[in-house]
Each structure stands twice: as C-alpha cells, then as structure tokens.
Amino acid sequence: MSVTQRERHRTGRVGWLRAAVLGANDGILSTASLVLGVASAHATHGNVMVAGVAGLVAGAMSMAAGEYVSVHSQADTEQADLKLERAELQTDDAGEHKELMAIYVARGLDPALAKQVAGQLMAHDALGAHARDELGISTSFRARPIQAALASAASFVAGGVMPLAVTAIVPAAVLIPLVSGSSLLFLALLGGLAARAGGAGVLLGAMRVAFWGALAMALTAGVGALFGTATSGT
C-alpha cells in the first residue's frame, strides 16, 4: 500500500508572511526612528515615550487601514473577474472550453490531451479551472483583506514594542545609542527569520533589512538634531 506524502512548499506562506514581515519591520523602524528623532531634538525622556507610544498606535492603525484597502481592492478585482468568467461560462461554454484547451496547448500538452484535460476539469469545476489557469486566482493566493489588516497591525505592534521597551528602561543619557543598536539587532533578526521562512539566504536577508534600517534611523536622528538645534537657538 503506497503512502502519498504531501510536499510542503513555501508559496503558501506568501500572503501572511509578506504582511507579517512588512508590519514588524515597519513597527521596529518607525518607532525606533521616531524615538531617535525626538530624542535627538533634546526632548525629555517623558516626551520621547509619549511620542513613541503615539507613533506605535498611529502606525498600527495606518498599517491595518492601508493593508485592508489595498488587499480589498485586489479582492474586488478578483470578484469582478470571477463574475465575468461565470457569465461567459453560461453563455459560451464551448468557447470557454476551447480557451482552456488553448492554454494547456500553450503550456506543452498535445491538442488531443489538452482537449481531454479541459473537458474533465470543466466537468468537475469549470469556474475553478478557469479561475486558476486563465485568471491565476488560487486558494493559496486569494486576497483576504481582514486577515491581512489584522496581521499587519499585530505585527506592527509586536515590532514597535521592542524599541519602545528599550526606550522605557534605559537612562536618557544612553537612550540614542542603545535604542539604535538594539533596533538594528531586532531588524537583522527579523530579516534573517523572514529569509529563512521564505527559503532565502539568512545572512543576506539580515544585512538587507539592517542596512535600510540604519539609513532610516540616521536620517531621522539627523533631522531631529537639526530642528532641535534650530529651536534651541531661537
């Protein structure tokens, strides 16, 4: 008796992995940059914390809203395409059969076999066959707006809490070096974990995220120092 072992591919992770990594990365980077910018402007430790918490809440809501709108637009497009395909199947079943057959021929099947495959798939689930092979819509990559929004908001908070926690516990005198250093470490770890989950190189993923994080924090801290100096001089 043969046992069929289902292969585990990483493509099924794309939807939630993208939203989770984007949210956590943005949470760490946005919160850390905001904290560093305000701290560089010579604000008090309390003001830095207020700015960090406000940025965390605003960022999480922004991520959720942006992801929901973006993915919902994709879902609307998918539904419109499926509605059109459903109508075409009702009015021109033979034409849709030829269209599906042509797709399989273009992929390398013999015309006779392509005709047989198209017929069997359409008899089983015509709309599903056209959604998958003509429109490129599959269950694994189907747009899920609410899931994407919640994942983005939750991951943003999870990422933003880390530099905010460091800000809360370290003295004001060493806040800038410790927040920037720990945030770069968090970003590198996140980049490495995301690369590993996606099957890419861990070191390259960590370096890529850390580089852009360092650039963003340096620019924000520079702006904060510039405006802080200008304000104190007036």
C-alpha atoms as a PDB file:
ATOM      1  CA  MET A   1       0.000   0.000   0.000  1.00  0.00           C
ATOM      2  CA  SER A   2       1.590   3.237  -1.117  1.00  0.00           C
ATOM      3  CA  VAL A   3       1.619   6.301   1.060  1.00  0.00           C
ATOM      4  CA  THR A   4       1.398   9.678  -0.660  1.00  0.00           C
ATOM      5  CA  GLN A   5       3.492  12.315   1.091  1.00  0.00           C
ATOM      6  CA  ARG A   6       2.328  15.836   0.506  1.00  0.00           C
ATOM      7  CA  GLU A   7       5.130  18.208  -0.363  1.00  0.00           C
ATOM      8  CA  ARG A   8       5.428  21.318   1.767  1.00  0.00           C
ATOM      9  CA  HIS A   9       6.083  24.355  -0.377  1.00  0.00           C
ATOM     10  CA  ARG A  10       6.761  27.876   0.852  1.00  0.00           C
ATOM     11  CA  THR A  11       4.500  29.612  -1.655  1.00  0.00           C
ATOM     12  CA  GLY A  12       1.502  29.094   0.626  1.00  0.00           C
ATOM     13  CA  ARG A  13       3.170  31.355   3.171  1.00  0.00           C
ATOM     14  CA  VAL A  14       3.494  34.314   0.845  1.00  0.00           C
ATOM     15  CA  GLY A  15       0.291  36.104   1.875  1.00  0.00           C
ATOM     16  CA  TRP A  16       0.690  36.107   5.646  1.00  0.00           C
ATOM     17  CA  LEU A  17       4.495  36.230   5.552  1.00  0.00           C
ATOM     18  CA  ARG A  18       4.550  39.402   3.471  1.00  0.00           C
ATOM     19  CA  ALA A  19       2.072  41.192   5.738  1.00  0.00           C
ATOM     20  CA  ALA A  20       3.740  39.990   8.944  1.00  0.00           C
ATOM     21  CA  VAL A  21       7.281  40.884   7.875  1.00  0.00           C
ATOM     22  CA  LEU A  22       6.234  44.253   6.491  1.00  0.00           C
ATOM     23  CA  GLY A  23       4.314  45.099   9.664  1.00  0.00           C
ATOM     24  CA  ALA A  24       7.036  44.027  12.104  1.00  0.00           C
ATOM     25  CA  ASN A  25       9.781  45.704  10.103  1.00  0.00           C
ATOM     26  CA  ASP A  26       7.782  48.927   9.868  1.00  0.00           C
ATOM     27  CA  GLY A  27       6.933  48.731  13.572  1.00  0.00           C
ATOM     28  CA  ILE A  28      10.564  48.468  14.637  1.00  0.00           C
ATOM     29  CA  LEU A  29      11.835  51.003  12.158  1.00  0.00           C
ATOM     30  CA  SER A  30       9.075  53.613  12.520  1.00  0.00           C
ATOM     31  CA  THR A  31       9.013  53.522  16.317  1.00  0.00           C
ATOM     32  CA  ALA A  32      12.798  53.500  16.687  1.00  0.00           C
ATOM     33  CA  SER A  33      13.222  56.304  14.151  1.00  0.00           C
ATOM     34  CA  LEU A  34      10.552  58.402  15.841  1.00  0.00           C
ATOM     35  CA  VAL A  35      12.127  57.879  19.262  1.00  0.00           C
ATOM     36  CA  LEU A  36      15.582  58.748  17.937  1.00  0.00           C
ATOM     37  CA  GLY A  37      14.319  61.809  16.094  1.00  0.00           C
ATOM     38  CA  VAL A  38      12.556  63.212  19.153  1.00  0.00           C
ATOM     39  CA  ALA A  39      15.449  62.304  21.471  1.00  0.00           C
ATOM     40  CA  SER A  40      17.929  63.981  19.111  1.00  0.00           C
ATOM     41  CA  ALA A  41      15.862  67.180  19.388  1.00  0.00           C
ATOM     42  CA  HIS A  42      16.743  67.250  23.125  1.00  0.00           C
ATOM     43  CA  ALA A  43      13.245  66.302  24.314  1.00  0.00           C
ATOM     44  CA  THR A  44      12.718  64.935  27.816  1.00  0.00           C
ATOM     45  CA  HIS A  45      12.526  61.197  28.404  1.00  0.00           C
ATOM     46  CA  GLY A  46       8.797  61.505  29.093  1.00  0.00           C
ATOM     47  CA  ASN A  47       8.159  63.339  25.842  1.00  0.00           C
ATOM     48  CA  VAL A  48      10.121  60.717  23.936  1.00  0.00           C
ATOM     49  CA  MET A  49       7.955  57.974  25.451  1.00  0.00           C
ATOM     50  CA  VAL A  50       4.736  59.824  24.614  1.00  0.00           C
ATOM     51  CA  ALA A  51       5.875  60.280  21.037  1.00  0.00           C
ATOM     52  CA  GLY A  52       6.834  56.609  20.815  1.00  0.00           C
ATOM     53  CA  VAL A  53       3.505  55.338  22.137  1.00  0.00           C
ATOM     54  CA  ALA A  54       1.546  57.707  19.901  1.00  0.00           C
ATOM     55  CA  GLY A  55       3.591  56.610  16.910  1.00  0.00           C
ATOM     56  CA  LEU A  56       3.003  52.955  17.774  1.00  0.00           C
ATOM     57  CA  VAL A  57      -0.787  53.360  17.906  1.00  0.00           C
ATOM     58  CA  ALA A  58      -0.962  55.567  14.818  1.00  0.00           C
ATOM     59  CA  GLY A  59       1.344  53.286  12.869  1.00  0.00           C
ATOM     60  CA  ALA A  60      -0.615  50.149  13.716  1.00  0.00           C
ATOM     61  CA  MET A  61      -3.882  51.737  12.588  1.00  0.00           C
ATOM     62  CA  SER A  62      -2.241  53.092   9.449  1.00  0.00           C
ATOM     63  CA  MET A  63      -0.843  49.678   8.577  1.00  0.00           C
ATOM     64  CA  ALA A  64      -4.206  47.994   9.160  1.00  0.00           C
ATOM     65  CA  ALA A  65      -6.140  50.551   7.118  1.00  0.00           C
ATOM     66  CA  GLY A  66      -3.634  50.625   4.274  1.00  0.00           C
ATOM     67  CA  GLU A  67      -3.385  46.846   4.046  1.00  0.00           C
ATOM     68  CA  TYR A  68      -7.156  46.424   4.200  1.00  0.00           C
ATOM     69  CA  VAL A  69      -7.798  48.938   1.430  1.00  0.00           C
ATOM     70  CA  SER A  70      -5.012  47.546  -0.749  1.00  0.00           C
ATOM     71  CA  VAL A  71      -5.967  43.884  -0.389  1.00  0.00           C
ATOM     72  CA  HIS A  72      -9.686  44.676  -0.624  1.00  0.00           C
ATOM     73  CA  SER A  73      -9.017  46.307  -3.990  1.00  0.00           C
ATOM     74  CA  GLN A  74      -7.376  43.075  -5.095  1.00  0.00           C
ATOM     75  CA  ALA A  75     -10.343  41.082  -3.779  1.00  0.00           C
ATOM     76  CA  ASP A  76     -12.785  43.344  -5.650  1.00  0.00           C
ATOM     77  CA  THR A  77     -10.840  42.809  -8.864  1.00  0.00           C
ATOM     78  CA  GLU A  78     -10.850  39.052  -8.344  1.00  0.00           C
ATOM     79  CA  GLN A  79     -14.593  39.011  -7.709  1.00  0.00           C
ATOM     80  CA  ALA A  80     -15.256  41.100 -10.816  1.00  0.00           C
ATOM     81  CA  ASP A  81     -13.162  38.743 -12.939  1.00  0.00           C
ATOM     82  CA  LEU A  82     -14.900  35.688 -11.499  1.00  0.00           C
ATOM     83  CA  LYS A  83     -18.306  37.241 -12.144  1.00  0.00           C
ATOM     84  CA  LEU A  84     -17.359  37.880 -15.767  1.00  0.00           C
ATOM     85  CA  GLU A  85     -15.987  34.366 -16.145  1.00  0.00           C
ATOM     86  CA  ARG A  86     -19.143  32.872 -14.627  1.00  0.00           C
ATOM     87  CA  ALA A  87     -21.279  34.772 -17.144  1.00  0.00           C
ATOM     88  CA  GLU A  88     -19.106  33.658 -20.057  1.00  0.00           C
ATOM     89  CA  LEU A  89     -19.392  30.032 -18.947  1.00  0.00           C
ATOM     90  CA  GLN A  90     -23.170  30.325 -19.006  1.00  0.00           C
ATOM     91  CA  THR A  91     -23.366  31.971 -22.430  1.00  0.00           C
ATOM     92  CA  ASP A  92     -20.470  30.332 -24.304  1.00  0.00           C
ATOM     93  CA  ASP A  93     -19.451  27.045 -22.722  1.00  0.00           C
ATOM     94  CA  ALA A  94     -17.895  25.725 -25.942  1.00  0.00           C
ATOM     95  CA  GLY A  95     -15.817  28.859 -26.406  1.00  0.00           C
ATOM     96  CA  GLU A  96     -14.585  28.674 -22.829  1.00  0.00           C
ATOM     97  CA  HIS A  97     -13.657  25.029 -23.360  1.00  0.00           C
ATOM     98  CA  LYS A  98     -11.560  25.990 -26.410  1.00  0.00           C
ATOM     99  CA  GLU A  99      -9.967  28.828 -24.451  1.00  0.00           C
ATOM    100  CA  LEU A 100      -8.924  26.496 -21.645  1.00  0.00           C
ATOM    101  CA  MET A 101      -7.706  23.930 -24.160  1.00  0.00           C
ATOM    102  CA  ALA A 102      -5.551  26.586 -25.860  1.00  0.00           C
ATOM    103  CA  ILE A 103      -3.961  27.456 -22.510  1.00  0.00           C
ATOM    104  CA  TYR A 104      -2.917  23.837 -21.974  1.00  0.00           C
ATOM    105  CA  VAL A 105      -1.618  23.526 -25.527  1.00  0.00           C
ATOM    106  CA  ALA A 106       0.497  26.646 -24.973  1.00  0.00           C
ATOM    107  CA  ARG A 107       1.908  25.002 -21.855  1.00  0.00           C
ATOM    108  CA  GLY A 108       3.064  21.989 -23.854  1.00  0.00           C
ATOM    109  CA  LEU A 109       0.210  19.474 -23.956  1.00  0.00           C
ATOM    110  CA  ASP A 110      -0.777  17.653 -27.106  1.00  0.00           C
ATOM    111  CA  PRO A 111      -4.004  19.171 -28.520  1.00  0.00           C
ATOM    112  CA  ALA A 112      -5.934  15.931 -28.077  1.00  0.00           C
ATOM    113  CA  LEU A 113      -4.784  15.556 -24.489  1.00  0.00           C
ATOM    114  CA  ALA A 114      -5.380  19.260 -23.825  1.00  0.00           C
ATOM    115  CA  LYS A 115      -8.961  18.881 -25.053  1.00  0.00           C
ATOM    116  CA  GLN A 116      -9.484  15.881 -22.772  1.00  0.00           C
ATOM    117  CA  VAL A 117      -7.974  17.614 -19.744  1.00  0.00           C
ATOM    118  CA  ALA A 118     -10.021  20.770 -20.325  1.00  0.00           C
ATOM    119  CA  GLY A 119     -13.191  18.717 -20.651  1.00  0.00           C
ATOM    120  CA  GLN A 120     -12.606  16.760 -17.466  1.00  0.00           C
ATOM    121  CA  LEU A 121     -11.616  19.815 -15.416  1.00  0.00           C
ATOM    122  CA  MET A 122     -14.599  21.814 -16.616  1.00  0.00           C
ATOM    123  CA  ALA A 123     -16.923  18.913 -15.863  1.00  0.00           C
ATOM    124  CA  HIS A 124     -15.543  18.818 -12.332  1.00  0.00           C
ATOM    125  CA  ASP A 125     -15.335  22.577 -11.626  1.00  0.00           C
ATOM    126  CA  ALA A 126     -15.486  24.853 -14.659  1.00  0.00           C
ATOM    127  CA  LEU A 127     -15.206  28.135 -12.787  1.00  0.00           C
ATOM    128  CA  GLY A 128     -12.381  26.850 -10.608  1.00  0.00           C
ATOM    129  CA  ALA A 129     -10.427  25.632 -13.628  1.00  0.00           C
ATOM    130  CA  HIS A 130     -10.721  28.982 -15.410  1.00  0.00           C
ATOM    131  CA  ALA A 131     -10.022  30.947 -12.225  1.00  0.00           C
ATOM    132  CA  ARG A 132      -6.823  29.005 -11.654  1.00  0.00           C
ATOM    133  CA  ASP A 133      -5.472  28.538 -15.178  1.00  0.00           C
ATOM    134  CA  GLU A 134      -6.847  31.572 -17.019  1.00  0.00           C
ATOM    135  CA  LEU A 135      -7.024  34.241 -14.309  1.00  0.00           C
ATOM    136  CA  GLY A 136      -4.280  32.992 -11.994  1.00  0.00           C
ATOM    137  CA  ILE A 137      -6.563  33.028  -8.941  1.00  0.00           C
ATOM    138  CA  SER A 138      -5.935  30.199  -6.486  1.00  0.00           C
ATOM    139  CA  THR A 139      -6.853  29.434  -2.884  1.00  0.00           C
ATOM    140  CA  SER A 140      -3.286  29.963  -1.660  1.00  0.00           C
ATOM    141  CA  PHE A 141      -3.017  33.460  -3.133  1.00  0.00           C
ATOM    142  CA  ARG A 142      -6.637  34.588  -2.725  1.00  0.00           C
ATOM    143  CA  ALA A 143      -6.982  38.102  -1.338  1.00  0.00           C
ATOM    144  CA  ARG A 144      -8.080  38.167   2.331  1.00  0.00           C
ATOM    145  CA  PRO A 145      -8.418  41.825   3.413  1.00  0.00           C
ATOM    146  CA  ILE A 146      -9.356  41.351   7.073  1.00  0.00           C
ATOM    147  CA  GLN A 147      -6.687  38.722   7.661  1.00  0.00           C
ATOM    148  CA  ALA A 148      -4.061  40.929   6.028  1.00  0.00           C
ATOM    149  CA  ALA A 149      -5.139  44.007   8.031  1.00  0.00           C
ATOM    150  CA  LEU A 150      -5.079  42.193  11.377  1.00  0.00           C
ATOM    151  CA  ALA A 151      -1.741  40.562  10.600  1.00  0.00           C
ATOM    152  CA  SER A 152      -0.198  43.896   9.628  1.00  0.00           C
ATOM    153  CA  ALA A 153      -1.481  45.724  12.718  1.00  0.00           C
ATOM    154  CA  ALA A 154      -0.498  42.935  15.120  1.00  0.00           C
ATOM    155  CA  SER A 155       2.968  42.546  13.619  1.00  0.00           C
ATOM    156  CA  PHE A 156       3.495  46.328  13.646  1.00  0.00           C
ATOM    157  CA  VAL A 157       2.703  46.429  17.364  1.00  0.00           C
ATOM    158  CA  ALA A 158       4.911  43.398  18.016  1.00  0.00           C
ATOM    159  CA  GLY A 159       7.778  45.094  16.215  1.00  0.00           C
ATOM    160  CA  GLY A 160       7.222  48.566  17.666  1.00  0.00           C
ATOM    161  CA  VAL A 161       7.029  47.340  21.254  1.00  0.00           C
ATOM    162  CA  MET A 162      10.680  46.247  21.144  1.00  0.00           C
ATOM    163  CA  PRO A 163      12.377  49.646  20.670  1.00  0.00           C
ATOM    164  CA  LEU A 164       9.709  51.233  22.852  1.00  0.00           C
ATOM    165  CA  ALA A 165      10.534  48.828  25.696  1.00  0.00           C
ATOM    166  CA  VAL A 166      14.230  49.685  25.373  1.00  0.00           C
ATOM    167  CA  THR A 167      13.332  53.377  25.459  1.00  0.00           C
ATOM    168  CA  ALA A 168      11.340  52.891  28.646  1.00  0.00           C
ATOM    169  CA  ILE A 169      14.076  51.125  30.614  1.00  0.00           C
ATOM    170  CA  VAL A 170      17.317  52.829  29.560  1.00  0.00           C
ATOM    171  CA  PRO A 171      18.557  56.144  31.013  1.00  0.00           C
ATOM    172  CA  ALA A 172      18.147  59.245  28.895  1.00  0.00           C
ATOM    173  CA  ALA A 173      21.928  59.698  28.657  1.00  0.00           C
ATOM    174  CA  VAL A 174      22.405  56.468  26.682  1.00  0.00           C
ATOM    175  CA  LEU A 175      18.994  56.307  25.004  1.00  0.00           C
ATOM    176  CA  ILE A 176      20.152  57.113  21.465  1.00  0.00           C
ATOM    177  CA  PRO A 177      22.999  54.555  21.160  1.00  0.00           C
ATOM    178  CA  LEU A 178      21.084  51.774  22.928  1.00  0.00           C
ATOM    179  CA  VAL A 179      17.822  52.256  21.032  1.00  0.00           C
ATOM    180  CA  SER A 180      19.605  52.466  17.680  1.00  0.00           C
ATOM    181  CA  GLY A 181      21.851  49.480  18.404  1.00  0.00           C
ATOM    182  CA  SER A 182      19.102  47.240  19.759  1.00  0.00           C
ATOM    183  CA  SER A 183      16.755  48.213  16.926  1.00  0.00           C
ATOM    184  CA  LEU A 184      19.362  47.282  14.325  1.00  0.00           C
ATOM    185  CA  LEU A 185      19.751  43.942  16.074  1.00  0.00           C
ATOM    186  CA  PHE A 186      15.973  43.410  16.054  1.00  0.00           C
ATOM    187  CA  LEU A 187      15.809  44.309  12.361  1.00  0.00           C
ATOM    188  CA  ALA A 188      18.642  41.933  11.490  1.00  0.00           C
ATOM    189  CA  LEU A 189      16.977  39.096  13.398  1.00  0.00           C
ATOM    190  CA  LEU A 190      13.668  39.800  11.665  1.00  0.00           C
ATOM    191  CA  GLY A 191      15.306  39.901   8.248  1.00  0.00           C
ATOM    192  CA  GLY A 192      17.081  36.623   8.925  1.00  0.00           C
ATOM    193  CA  LEU A 193      13.949  34.873  10.181  1.00  0.00           C
ATOM    194  CA  ALA A 194      11.896  36.126   7.243  1.00  0.00           C
ATOM    195  CA  ALA A 195      14.552  34.956   4.802  1.00  0.00           C
ATOM    196  CA  ARG A 196      14.693  31.542   6.447  1.00  0.00           C
ATOM    197  CA  ALA A 197      10.909  31.179   6.364  1.00  0.00           C
ATOM    198  CA  GLY A 198      10.904  32.128   2.696  1.00  0.00           C
ATOM    199  CA  GLY A 199      13.801  29.835   1.798  1.00  0.00           C
ATOM    200  CA  ALA A 200      16.289  32.626   1.015  1.00  0.00           C
ATOM    201  CA  GLY A 201      19.757  33.348   2.388  1.00  0.00           C
ATOM    202  CA  VAL A 202      19.593  34.263   6.097  1.00  0.00           C
ATOM    203  CA  LEU A 203      22.694  36.482   6.158  1.00  0.00           C
ATOM    204  CA  LEU A 204      21.695  38.427   3.068  1.00  0.00           C
ATOM    205  CA  GLY A 205      18.175  38.945   4.421  1.00  0.00           C
ATOM    206  CA  ALA A 206      19.533  40.216   7.743  1.00  0.00           C
ATOM    207  CA  MET A 207      22.041  42.582   6.118  1.00  0.00           C
ATOM    208  CA  ARG A 208      19.471  43.967   3.700  1.00  0.00           C
ATOM    209  CA  VAL A 209      16.991  44.901   6.427  1.00  0.00           C
ATOM    210  CA  ALA A 210      19.677  46.220   8.781  1.00  0.00           C
ATOM    211  CA  PHE A 211      21.182  48.467   6.090  1.00  0.00           C
ATOM    212  CA  TRP A 212      17.913  50.223   5.255  1.00  0.00           C
ATOM    213  CA  GLY A 213      17.050  50.422   8.943  1.00  0.00           C
ATOM    214  CA  ALA A 214      20.351  52.115   9.767  1.00  0.00           C
ATOM    215  CA  LEU A 215      19.869  54.580   6.923  1.00  0.00           C
ATOM    216  CA  ALA A 216      16.332  55.480   8.018  1.00  0.00           C
ATOM    217  CA  MET A 217      17.266  55.924  11.686  1.00  0.00           C
ATOM    218  CA  ALA A 218      20.322  58.010  10.816  1.00  0.00           C
ATOM    219  CA  LEU A 219      18.310  60.352   8.622  1.00  0.00           C
ATOM    220  CA  THR A 220      15.548  60.738  11.227  1.00  0.00           C
ATOM    221  CA  ALA A 221      18.032  61.373  14.030  1.00  0.00           C
ATOM    222  CA  GLY A 222      19.779  63.950  11.839  1.00  0.00           C
ATOM    223  CA  VAL A 223      16.525  65.786  11.183  1.00  0.00           C
ATOM    224  CA  GLY A 224      15.701  65.742  14.902  1.00  0.00           C
ATOM    225  CA  ALA A 225      19.134  67.106  15.819  1.00  0.00           C
ATOM    226  CA  LEU A 226      18.893  69.806  13.146  1.00  0.00           C
ATOM    227  CA  PHE A 227      15.479  71.058  14.246  1.00  0.00           C
ATOM    228  CA  GLY A 228      16.387  70.698  17.921  1.00  0.00           C
ATOM    229  CA  THR A 229      19.420  72.910  17.455  1.00  0.00           C
ATOM    230  CA  ALA A 230      17.431  75.442  15.417  1.00  0.00           C
ATOM    231  CA  THR A 231      14.703  75.578  18.051  1.00  0.00           C
ATOM    232  CA  SER A 232      17.088  75.966  20.974  1.00  0.00           C
ATOM    233  CA  GLY A 233      18.885  78.769  19.155  1.00  0.00           C
ATOM    234  CA  THR A 234      15.752  80.902  18.708  1.00  0.00           C
END
